């Protein structure tokens, strides 16, 4: 089962404080659901955040004086999006 990481970075415009949160999403979002998943995770951390833009699996949000950027990445060890599943016959090619 593949997993994705949701990375959320927020920046307080008044103080300059920066925060970074990382969450694992298992299973990885189905194609076309990435935007909704980002919005759900951001809303859990910043309930008042409003989406400003979304493109290429990156969403920007605003919560009062905080700017928030959220994006998806493949979890470590997970194949990149669109990578073919390994062929089971290939895995046995060098078995003793």
PDB file of N, CA and C in Angstrom:
ATOM      1  N   UNK A   1       0.859  -1.172   0.000  1.00  0.00           N
ATOM      2  CA  UNK A   1       0.000   0.000   0.000  1.00  0.00           C
ATOM      3  C   UNK A   1       0.902   1.230   0.000  1.00  0.00           C
ATOM      4  N   UNK A   2       0.655   2.128  -0.919  1.00  0.00           N
ATOM      5  CA  UNK A   2       1.501   3.310  -0.989  1.00  0.00           C
ATOM      6  C   UNK A   2       0.986   4.383  -0.034  1.00  0.00           C
ATOM      7  N   UNK A   3       1.892   5.245   0.327  1.00  0.00           N
ATOM      8  CA  UNK A   3       1.568   6.344   1.242  1.00  0.00           C
ATOM      9  C   UNK A   3       2.113   7.638   0.662  1.00  0.00           C
ATOM     10  N   UNK A   4       1.532   8.722   1.093  1.00  0.00           N
ATOM     11  CA  UNK A   4       2.017  10.049   0.727  1.00  0.00           C
ATOM     12  C   UNK A   4       2.259  10.841   1.993  1.00  0.00           C
ATOM     13  N   UNK A   5       3.113  11.827   1.867  1.00  0.00           N
ATOM     14  CA  UNK A   5       3.341  12.764   2.960  1.00  0.00           C
ATOM     15  C   UNK A   5       2.688  14.083   2.587  1.00  0.00           C
ATOM     16  N   UNK A   6       1.999  14.665   3.551  1.00  0.00           N
ATOM     17  CA  UNK A   6       1.480  16.028   3.391  1.00  0.00           C
ATOM     18  C   UNK A   6       2.406  16.915   4.210  1.00  0.00           C
ATOM     19  N   UNK A   7       3.056  17.854   3.558  1.00  0.00           N
ATOM     20  CA  UNK A   7       3.949  18.793   4.225  1.00  0.00           C
ATOM     21  C   UNK A   7       3.237  20.142   4.277  1.00  0.00           C
ATOM     22  N   UNK A   8       3.168  20.707   5.480  1.00  0.00           N
ATOM     23  CA  UNK A   8       2.512  21.998   5.678  1.00  0.00           C
ATOM     24  C   UNK A   8       3.531  22.958   6.277  1.00  0.00           C
ATOM     25  N   UNK A   9       3.777  24.049   5.596  1.00  0.00           N
ATOM     26  CA  UNK A   9       4.645  25.107   6.119  1.00  0.00           C
ATOM     27  C   UNK A   9       3.807  26.359   6.292  1.00  0.00           C
ATOM     28  N   UNK A  10       3.919  26.969   7.472  1.00  0.00           N
ATOM     29  CA  UNK A  10       3.181  28.205   7.712  1.00  0.00           C
ATOM     30  C   UNK A  10       4.149  29.300   8.145  1.00  0.00           C
ATOM     31  N   UNK A  11       3.762  30.513   7.824  1.00  0.00           N
ATOM     32  CA  UNK A  11       4.609  31.678   8.075  1.00  0.00           C
ATOM     33  C   UNK A  11       3.746  32.775   8.672  1.00  0.00           C
ATOM     34  N   UNK A  12       4.104  33.214   9.873  1.00  0.00           N
ATOM     35  CA  UNK A  12       3.391  34.321  10.517  1.00  0.00           C
ATOM     36  C   UNK A  12       3.949  35.616   9.943  1.00  0.00           C
ATOM     37  N   UNK A  13       3.113  36.383   9.290  1.00  0.00           N
ATOM     38  CA  UNK A  13       3.563  37.604   8.615  1.00  0.00           C
ATOM     39  C   UNK A  13       3.984  38.695   9.593  1.00  0.00           C
ATOM     40  N   UNK A  14       3.471  38.677  10.819  1.00  0.00           N
ATOM     41  CA  UNK A  14       3.833  39.689  11.808  1.00  0.00           C
ATOM     42  C   UNK A  14       5.151  39.379  12.505  1.00  0.00           C
ATOM     43  N   UNK A  15       5.312  38.143  12.939  1.00  0.00           N
ATOM     44  CA  UNK A  15       6.490  37.782  13.743  1.00  0.00           C
ATOM     45  C   UNK A  15       7.596  37.119  12.944  1.00  0.00           C
ATOM     46  N   UNK A  16       7.276  36.614  11.765  1.00  0.00           N
ATOM     47  CA  UNK A  16       8.265  35.897  10.971  1.00  0.00           C
ATOM     48  C   UNK A  16       8.408  34.433  11.383  1.00  0.00           C
ATOM     49  N   UNK A  17       7.685  34.016  12.419  1.00  0.00           N
ATOM     50  CA  UNK A  17       7.762  32.633  12.880  1.00  0.00           C
ATOM     51  C   UNK A  17       7.345  31.685  11.757  1.00  0.00           C
ATOM     52  N   UNK A  18       8.106  30.593  11.619  1.00  0.00           N
ATOM     53  CA  UNK A  18       7.803  29.574  10.618  1.00  0.00           C
ATOM     54  C   UNK A  18       7.606  28.240  11.318  1.00  0.00           C
ATOM     55  N   UNK A  19       6.634  27.503  10.836  1.00  0.00           N
ATOM     56  CA  UNK A  19       6.365  26.174  11.373  1.00  0.00           C
ATOM     57  C   UNK A  19       6.263  25.199  10.215  1.00  0.00           C
ATOM     58  N   UNK A  20       6.657  23.946  10.486  1.00  0.00           N
ATOM     59  CA  UNK A  20       6.566  22.894   9.479  1.00  0.00           C
ATOM     60  C   UNK A  20       5.983  21.651  10.139  1.00  0.00           C
ATOM     61  N   UNK A  21       4.952  21.087   9.537  1.00  0.00           N
ATOM     62  CA  UNK A  21       4.329  19.855  10.008  1.00  0.00           C
ATOM     63  C   UNK A  21       4.333  18.862   8.859  1.00  0.00           C
ATOM     64  N   UNK A  22       4.538  17.579   9.188  1.00  0.00           N
ATOM     65  CA  UNK A  22       4.534  16.525   8.181  1.00  0.00           C
ATOM     66  C   UNK A  22       3.592  15.420   8.664  1.00  0.00           C
ATOM     67  N   UNK A  23       2.700  14.993   7.784  1.00  0.00           N
ATOM     68  CA  UNK A  23       1.731  13.948   8.098  1.00  0.00           C
ATOM     69  C   UNK A  23       1.771  12.883   7.016  1.00  0.00           C
ATOM     70  N   UNK A  24       1.681  11.626   7.426  1.00  0.00           N
ATOM     71  CA  UNK A  24       1.602  10.530   6.460  1.00  0.00           C
ATOM     72  C   UNK A  24       0.139  10.227   6.180  1.00  0.00           C
ATOM     73  N   UNK A  25      -0.187  10.076   4.907  1.00  0.00           N
ATOM     74  CA  UNK A  25      -1.539   9.736   4.483  1.00  0.00           C
ATOM     75  C   UNK A  25      -1.471   8.363   3.824  1.00  0.00           C
ATOM     76  N   UNK A  26      -2.170   7.395   4.431  1.00  0.00           N
ATOM     77  CA  UNK A  26      -2.181   6.035   3.907  1.00  0.00           C
ATOM     78  C   UNK A  26      -3.621   5.586   3.770  1.00  0.00           C
ATOM     79  N   UNK A  27      -4.037   5.118   2.636  1.00  0.00           N
ATOM     80  CA  UNK A  27      -3.306   5.035   1.383  1.00  0.00           C
ATOM     81  C   UNK A  27      -3.152   6.422   0.760  1.00  0.00           C
ATOM     82  N   UNK A  28      -2.243   6.499  -0.202  1.00  0.00           N
ATOM     83  CA  UNK A  28      -2.032   7.761  -0.910  1.00  0.00           C
ATOM     84  C   UNK A  28      -3.347   8.179  -1.575  1.00  0.00           C
ATOM     85  N   UNK A  29      -3.596   9.479  -1.677  1.00  0.00           N
ATOM     86  CA  UNK A  29      -4.838   9.941  -2.310  1.00  0.00           C
ATOM     87  C   UNK A  29      -4.945   9.445  -3.750  1.00  0.00           C
ATOM     88  N   UNK A  30      -6.163   9.121  -4.132  1.00  0.00           N
ATOM     89  CA  UNK A  30      -6.410   8.738  -5.519  1.00  0.00           C
ATOM     90  C   UNK A  30      -6.201   9.961  -6.409  1.00  0.00           C
ATOM     91  N   UNK A  31      -5.784   9.741  -7.645  1.00  0.00           N
ATOM     92  CA  UNK A  31      -5.629  10.878  -8.561  1.00  0.00           C
ATOM     93  C   UNK A  31      -6.915  11.691  -8.609  1.00  0.00           C
ATOM     94  N   UNK A  32      -6.765  12.989  -8.526  1.00  0.00           N
ATOM     95  CA  UNK A  32      -7.900  13.894  -8.538  1.00  0.00           C
ATOM     96  C   UNK A  32      -8.391  14.270  -7.136  1.00  0.00           C
ATOM     97  N   UNK A  33      -7.921  13.564  -6.096  1.00  0.00           N
ATOM     98  CA  UNK A  33      -8.339  13.861  -4.726  1.00  0.00           C
ATOM     99  C   UNK A  33      -7.269  14.607  -3.940  1.00  0.00           C
ATOM    100  N   UNK A  34      -6.140  14.892  -4.554  1.00  0.00           N
ATOM    101  CA  UNK A  34      -5.034  15.519  -3.839  1.00  0.00           C
ATOM    102  C   UNK A  34      -5.429  16.849  -3.223  1.00  0.00           C
ATOM    103  N   UNK A  35      -6.137  17.665  -3.970  1.00  0.00           N
ATOM    104  CA  UNK A  35      -6.531  18.995  -3.483  1.00  0.00           C
ATOM    105  C   UNK A  35      -7.417  18.879  -2.244  1.00  0.00           C
ATOM    106  N   UNK A  36      -8.380  17.971  -2.288  1.00  0.00           N
ATOM    107  CA  UNK A  36      -9.288  17.782  -1.149  1.00  0.00           C
ATOM    108  C   UNK A  36      -8.528  17.280   0.073  1.00  0.00           C
ATOM    109  N   UNK A  37      -7.581  16.388  -0.135  1.00  0.00           N
ATOM    110  CA  UNK A  37      -6.795  15.862   0.990  1.00  0.00           C
ATOM    111  C   UNK A  37      -5.972  16.978   1.621  1.00  0.00           C
ATOM    112  N   UNK A  38      -5.323  17.794   0.806  1.00  0.00           N
ATOM    113  CA  UNK A  38      -4.550  18.921   1.349  1.00  0.00           C
ATOM    114  C   UNK A  38      -5.451  19.839   2.160  1.00  0.00           C
ATOM    115  N   UNK A  39      -6.612  20.170   1.625  1.00  0.00           N
ATOM    116  CA  UNK A  39      -7.534  21.068   2.330  1.00  0.00           C
ATOM    117  C   UNK A  39      -7.984  20.471   3.659  1.00  0.00           C
ATOM    118  N   UNK A  40      -8.239  19.158   3.694  1.00  0.00           N
ATOM    119  CA  UNK A  40      -8.665  18.505   4.932  1.00  0.00           C
ATOM    120  C   UNK A  40      -7.567  18.544   5.993  1.00  0.00           C
ATOM    121  N   UNK A  41      -6.343  18.230   5.581  1.00  0.00           N
ATOM    122  CA  UNK A  41      -5.237  18.209   6.548  1.00  0.00           C
ATOM    123  C   UNK A  41      -4.945  19.623   7.045  1.00  0.00           C
ATOM    124  N   UNK A  42      -4.927  20.597   6.153  1.00  0.00           N
ATOM    125  CA  UNK A  42      -4.680  21.988   6.567  1.00  0.00           C
ATOM    126  C   UNK A  42      -5.772  22.450   7.527  1.00  0.00           C
ATOM    127  N   UNK A  43      -7.025  22.110   7.254  1.00  0.00           N
ATOM    128  CA  UNK A  43      -8.127  22.520   8.120  1.00  0.00           C
ATOM    129  C   UNK A  43      -7.990  21.924   9.521  1.00  0.00           C
ATOM    130  N   UNK A  44      -7.375  20.754   9.620  1.00  0.00           N
ATOM    131  CA  UNK A  44      -7.156  20.153  10.930  1.00  0.00           C
ATOM    132  C   UNK A  44      -6.141  20.916  11.763  1.00  0.00           C
ATOM    133  N   UNK A  45      -5.180  21.563  11.129  1.00  0.00           N
ATOM    134  CA  UNK A  45      -4.138  22.324  11.826  1.00  0.00           C
ATOM    135  C   UNK A  45      -4.529  23.795  11.945  1.00  0.00           C
ATOM    136  N   UNK A  46      -5.102  24.332  10.893  1.00  0.00           N
ATOM    137  CA  UNK A  46      -5.488  25.747  10.822  1.00  0.00           C
ATOM    138  C   UNK A  46      -6.971  25.811  10.439  1.00  0.00           C
ATOM    139  N   UNK A  47      -7.886  25.649  11.417  1.00  0.00           N
ATOM    140  CA  UNK A  47      -9.317  25.557  11.112  1.00  0.00           C
ATOM    141  C   UNK A  47      -9.891  26.756  10.354  1.00  0.00           C
ATOM    142  N   UNK A  48      -9.308  27.921  10.474  1.00  0.00           N
ATOM    143  CA  UNK A  48      -9.836  29.093   9.789  1.00  0.00           C
ATOM    144  C   UNK A  48      -9.199  29.363   8.442  1.00  0.00           C
ATOM    145  N   UNK A  49      -8.333  28.461   7.981  1.00  0.00           N
ATOM    146  CA  UNK A  49      -7.604  28.702   6.730  1.00  0.00           C
ATOM    147  C   UNK A  49      -8.535  28.663   5.525  1.00  0.00           C
ATOM    148  N   UNK A  50      -8.283  29.583   4.600  1.00  0.00           N
ATOM    149  CA  UNK A  50      -9.034  29.672   3.350  1.00  0.00           C
ATOM    150  C   UNK A  50      -8.071  29.418   2.206  1.00  0.00           C
ATOM    151  N   UNK A  51      -8.471  28.544   1.293  1.00  0.00           N
ATOM    152  CA  UNK A  51      -7.614  28.239   0.147  1.00  0.00           C
ATOM    153  C   UNK A  51      -7.511  29.454  -0.764  1.00  0.00           C
ATOM    154  N   UNK A  52      -6.282  29.782  -1.137  1.00  0.00           N
ATOM    155  CA  UNK A  52      -6.035  30.913  -2.042  1.00  0.00           C
ATOM    156  C   UNK A  52      -5.757  30.428  -3.460  1.00  0.00           C
ATOM    157  N   UNK A  53      -5.002  29.320  -3.578  1.00  0.00           N
ATOM    158  CA  UNK A  53      -4.691  28.792  -4.905  1.00  0.00           C
ATOM    159  C   UNK A  53      -4.283  27.326  -4.787  1.00  0.00           C
ATOM    160  N   UNK A  54      -4.316  26.639  -5.928  1.00  0.00           N
ATOM    161  CA  UNK A  54      -3.885  25.249  -6.003  1.00  0.00           C
ATOM    162  C   UNK A  54      -3.375  24.987  -7.410  1.00  0.00           C
ATOM    163  N   UNK A  55      -2.180  24.410  -7.514  1.00  0.00           N
ATOM    164  CA  UNK A  55      -1.612  24.024  -8.805  1.00  0.00           C
ATOM    165  C   UNK A  55      -0.500  23.015  -8.560  1.00  0.00           C
ATOM    166  N   UNK A  56      -0.422  22.019  -9.409  1.00  0.00           N
ATOM    167  CA  UNK A  56       0.662  21.028  -9.355  1.00  0.00           C
ATOM    168  C   UNK A  56       0.836  20.404  -7.978  1.00  0.00           C
ATOM    169  N   UNK A  57      -0.274  20.022  -7.338  1.00  0.00           N
ATOM    170  CA  UNK A  57      -0.267  19.347  -6.036  1.00  0.00           C
ATOM    171  C   UNK A  57       0.253  20.226  -4.904  1.00  0.00           C
ATOM    172  N   UNK A  58       0.204  21.543  -5.088  1.00  0.00           N
ATOM    173  CA  UNK A  58       0.608  22.491  -4.044  1.00  0.00           C
ATOM    174  C   UNK A  58      -0.548  23.460  -3.807  1.00  0.00           C
ATOM    175  N   UNK A  59      -0.957  23.573  -2.554  1.00  0.00           N
ATOM    176  CA  UNK A  59      -2.021  24.495  -2.199  1.00  0.00           C
ATOM    177  C   UNK A  59      -1.488  25.610  -1.325  1.00  0.00           C
ATOM    178  N   UNK A  60      -2.006  26.819  -1.518  1.00  0.00           N
ATOM    179  CA  UNK A  60      -1.669  27.930  -0.636  1.00  0.00           C
ATOM    180  C   UNK A  60      -2.948  28.366   0.059  1.00  0.00           C
ATOM    181  N   UNK A  61      -2.800  28.694   1.336  1.00  0.00           N
ATOM    182  CA  UNK A  61      -3.931  29.036   2.181  1.00  0.00           C
ATOM    183  C   UNK A  61      -3.575  30.273   2.985  1.00  0.00           C
ATOM    184  N   UNK A  62      -4.597  30.897   3.560  1.00  0.00           N
ATOM    185  CA  UNK A  62      -4.392  32.063   4.418  1.00  0.00           C
ATOM    186  C   UNK A  62      -5.269  31.889   5.643  1.00  0.00           C
ATOM    187  N   UNK A  63      -4.681  32.089   6.803  1.00  0.00           N
ATOM    188  CA  UNK A  63      -5.400  32.000   8.072  1.00  0.00           C
ATOM    189  C   UNK A  63      -5.022  33.239   8.878  1.00  0.00           C
ATOM    190  N   UNK A  64      -5.832  34.282   8.769  1.00  0.00           N
ATOM    191  CA  UNK A  64      -5.494  35.527   9.445  1.00  0.00           C
ATOM    192  C   UNK A  64      -4.180  36.066   8.910  1.00  0.00           C
ATOM    193  N   UNK A  65      -3.190  36.150   9.772  1.00  0.00           N
ATOM    194  CA  UNK A  65      -1.886  36.682   9.352  1.00  0.00           C
ATOM    195  C   UNK A  65      -0.880  35.588   9.039  1.00  0.00           C
ATOM    196  N   UNK A  66      -1.349  34.361   8.891  1.00  0.00           N
ATOM    197  CA  UNK A  66      -0.482  33.237   8.533  1.00  0.00           C
ATOM    198  C   UNK A  66      -0.676  32.860   7.081  1.00  0.00           C
ATOM    199  N   UNK A  67       0.443  32.735   6.363  1.00  0.00           N
ATOM    200  CA  UNK A  67       0.429  32.176   5.016  1.00  0.00           C
ATOM    201  C   UNK A  67       0.810  30.707   5.149  1.00  0.00           C
ATOM    202  N   UNK A  68       0.087  29.852   4.468  1.00  0.00           N
ATOM    203  CA  UNK A  68       0.275  28.413   4.602  1.00  0.00           C
ATOM    204  C   UNK A  68       0.463  27.816   3.215  1.00  0.00           C
ATOM    205  N   UNK A  69       1.473  26.974   3.085  1.00  0.00           N
ATOM    206  CA  UNK A  69       1.711  26.239   1.853  1.00  0.00           C
ATOM    207  C   UNK A  69       1.682  24.759   2.203  1.00  0.00           C
ATOM    208  N   UNK A  70       0.960  23.976   1.426  1.00  0.00           N
ATOM    209  CA  UNK A  70       0.860  22.543   1.676  1.00  0.00           C
ATOM    210  C   UNK A  70       1.044  21.795   0.361  1.00  0.00           C
ATOM    211  N   UNK A  71       1.750  20.665   0.428  1.00  0.00           N
ATOM    212  CA  UNK A  71       1.959  19.871  -0.775  1.00  0.00           C
ATOM    213  C   UNK A  71       2.099  18.402  -0.413  1.00  0.00           C
ATOM    214  N   UNK A  72       2.018  17.563  -1.435  1.00  0.00           N
ATOM    215  CA  UNK A  72       2.128  16.118  -1.295  1.00  0.00           C
ATOM    216  C   UNK A  72       3.448  15.636  -1.861  1.00  0.00           C
ATOM    217  N   UNK A  73       4.028  14.667  -1.188  1.00  0.00           N
ATOM    218  CA  UNK A  73       5.223  13.975  -1.672  1.00  0.00           C
ATOM    219  C   UNK A  73       5.028  12.490  -1.432  1.00  0.00           C
ATOM    220  N   UNK A  74       5.691  11.666  -2.222  1.00  0.00           N
ATOM    221  CA  UNK A  74       5.662  10.228  -1.974  1.00  0.00           C
ATOM    222  C   UNK A  74       6.411   9.954  -0.674  1.00  0.00           C
ATOM    223  N   UNK A  75       5.863   9.074   0.146  1.00  0.00           N
ATOM    224  CA  UNK A  75       6.540   8.699   1.387  1.00  0.00           C
ATOM    225  C   UNK A  75       7.814   7.945   1.036  1.00  0.00           C
ATOM    226  N   UNK A  76       8.805   8.023   1.910  1.00  0.00           N
ATOM    227  CA  UNK A  76      10.081   7.349   1.672  1.00  0.00           C
ATOM    228  C   UNK A  76       9.839   5.873   1.424  1.00  0.00           C
ATOM    229  N   UNK A  77      10.449   5.374   0.374  1.00  0.00           N
ATOM    230  CA  UNK A  77      10.298   3.967   0.027  1.00  0.00           C
ATOM    231  C   UNK A  77       9.107   3.701  -0.873  1.00  0.00           C
ATOM    232  N   UNK A  78       8.241   4.686  -1.042  1.00  0.00           N
ATOM    233  CA  UNK A  78       7.084   4.517  -1.912  1.00  0.00           C
ATOM    234  C   UNK A  78       7.493   4.847  -3.342  1.00  0.00           C
ATOM    235  N   UNK A  79       6.946   4.127  -4.309  1.00  0.00           N
ATOM    236  CA  UNK A  79       7.278   4.464  -5.694  1.00  0.00           C
ATOM    237  C   UNK A  79       6.688   5.816  -6.058  1.00  0.00           C
ATOM    238  N   UNK A  80       7.348   6.565  -6.941  1.00  0.00           N
ATOM    239  CA  UNK A  80       6.796   7.860  -7.349  1.00  0.00           C
ATOM    240  C   UNK A  80       5.461   7.667  -8.058  1.00  0.00           C
ATOM    241  N   UNK A  81       4.630   8.695  -8.041  1.00  0.00           N
ATOM    242  CA  UNK A  81       3.336   8.630  -8.721  1.00  0.00           C
ATOM    243  C   UNK A  81       3.542   8.250 -10.169  1.00  0.00           C
ATOM    244  N   UNK A  82       2.697   7.361 -10.641  1.00  0.00           N
ATOM    245  CA  UNK A  82       2.759   6.958 -12.045  1.00  0.00           C
ATOM    246  C   UNK A  82       3.775   5.868 -12.315  1.00  0.00           C
ATOM    247  N   UNK A  83       4.553   5.464 -11.312  1.00  0.00           N
ATOM    248  CA  UNK A  83       5.539   4.400 -11.518  1.00  0.00           C
ATOM    249  C   UNK A  83       4.804   3.073 -11.664  1.00  0.00           C
ATOM    250  N   UNK A  84       5.246   2.230 -12.593  1.00  0.00           N
ATOM    251  CA  UNK A  84       4.568   0.948 -12.756  1.00  0.00           C
ATOM    252  C   UNK A  84       4.820   0.054 -11.547  1.00  0.00           C
ATOM    253  N   UNK A  85       3.843  -0.813 -11.267  1.00  0.00           N
ATOM    254  CA  UNK A  85       4.020  -1.781 -10.192  1.00  0.00           C
ATOM    255  C   UNK A  85       5.110  -2.765 -10.609  1.00  0.00           C
ATOM    256  N   UNK A  86       5.921  -3.243  -9.653  1.00  0.00           N
ATOM    257  CA  UNK A  86       6.952  -4.210 -10.023  1.00  0.00           C
ATOM    258  C   UNK A  86       6.318  -5.486 -10.558  1.00  0.00           C
ATOM    259  N   UNK A  87       6.964  -6.071 -11.542  1.00  0.00           N
ATOM    260  CA  UNK A  87       6.510  -7.319 -12.135  1.00  0.00           C
ATOM    261  C   UNK A  87       6.926  -8.462 -11.216  1.00  0.00           C
ATOM    262  N   UNK A  88       5.970  -9.246 -10.677  1.00  0.00           N
ATOM    263  CA  UNK A  88       6.332 -10.338  -9.761  1.00  0.00           C
ATOM    264  C   UNK A  88       7.309 -11.320 -10.385  1.00  0.00           C
ATOM    265  N   UNK A  89       7.215 -11.567 -11.696  1.00  0.00           N
ATOM    266  CA  UNK A  89       8.152 -12.476 -12.353  1.00  0.00           C
ATOM    267  C   UNK A  89       9.566 -11.912 -12.309  1.00  0.00           C
ATOM    268  N   UNK A  90       9.711 -10.621 -12.437  1.00  0.00           N
ATOM    269  CA  UNK A  90      11.038  -9.985 -12.388  1.00  0.00           C
ATOM    270  C   UNK A  90      11.661 -10.155 -11.015  1.00  0.00           C
ATOM    271  N   UNK A  91      10.847 -10.066  -9.960  1.00  0.00           N
ATOM    272  CA  UNK A  91      11.378 -10.214  -8.621  1.00  0.00           C
ATOM    273  C   UNK A  91      11.949 -11.604  -8.402  1.00  0.00           C
ATOM    274  N   UNK A  92      11.425 -12.625  -9.107  1.00  0.00           N
ATOM    275  CA  UNK A  92      11.895 -13.988  -8.954  1.00  0.00           C
ATOM    276  C   UNK A  92      13.055 -14.307  -9.883  1.00  0.00           C
ATOM    277  N   UNK A  93      13.423 -13.397 -10.736  1.00  0.00           N
ATOM    278  CA  UNK A  93      14.423 -13.662 -11.757  1.00  0.00           C
ATOM    279  C   UNK A  93      15.721 -14.204 -11.178  1.00  0.00           C
ATOM    280  N   UNK A  94      16.172 -13.681 -10.028  1.00  0.00           N
ATOM    281  CA  UNK A  94      17.446 -14.104  -9.462  1.00  0.00           C
ATOM    282  C   UNK A  94      17.302 -14.887  -8.169  1.00  0.00           C
ATOM    283  N   UNK A  95      16.078 -15.336  -7.843  1.00  0.00           N
ATOM    284  CA  UNK A  95      15.903 -16.151  -6.649  1.00  0.00           C
ATOM    285  C   UNK A  95      16.658 -17.468  -6.792  1.00  0.00           C
ATOM    286  N   UNK A  96      17.251 -17.905  -5.703  1.00  0.00           N
ATOM    287  CA  UNK A  96      18.003 -19.188  -5.742  1.00  0.00           C
ATOM    288  C   UNK A  96      17.070 -20.335  -5.517  1.00  0.00           C
TER     289      UNK A  96
END
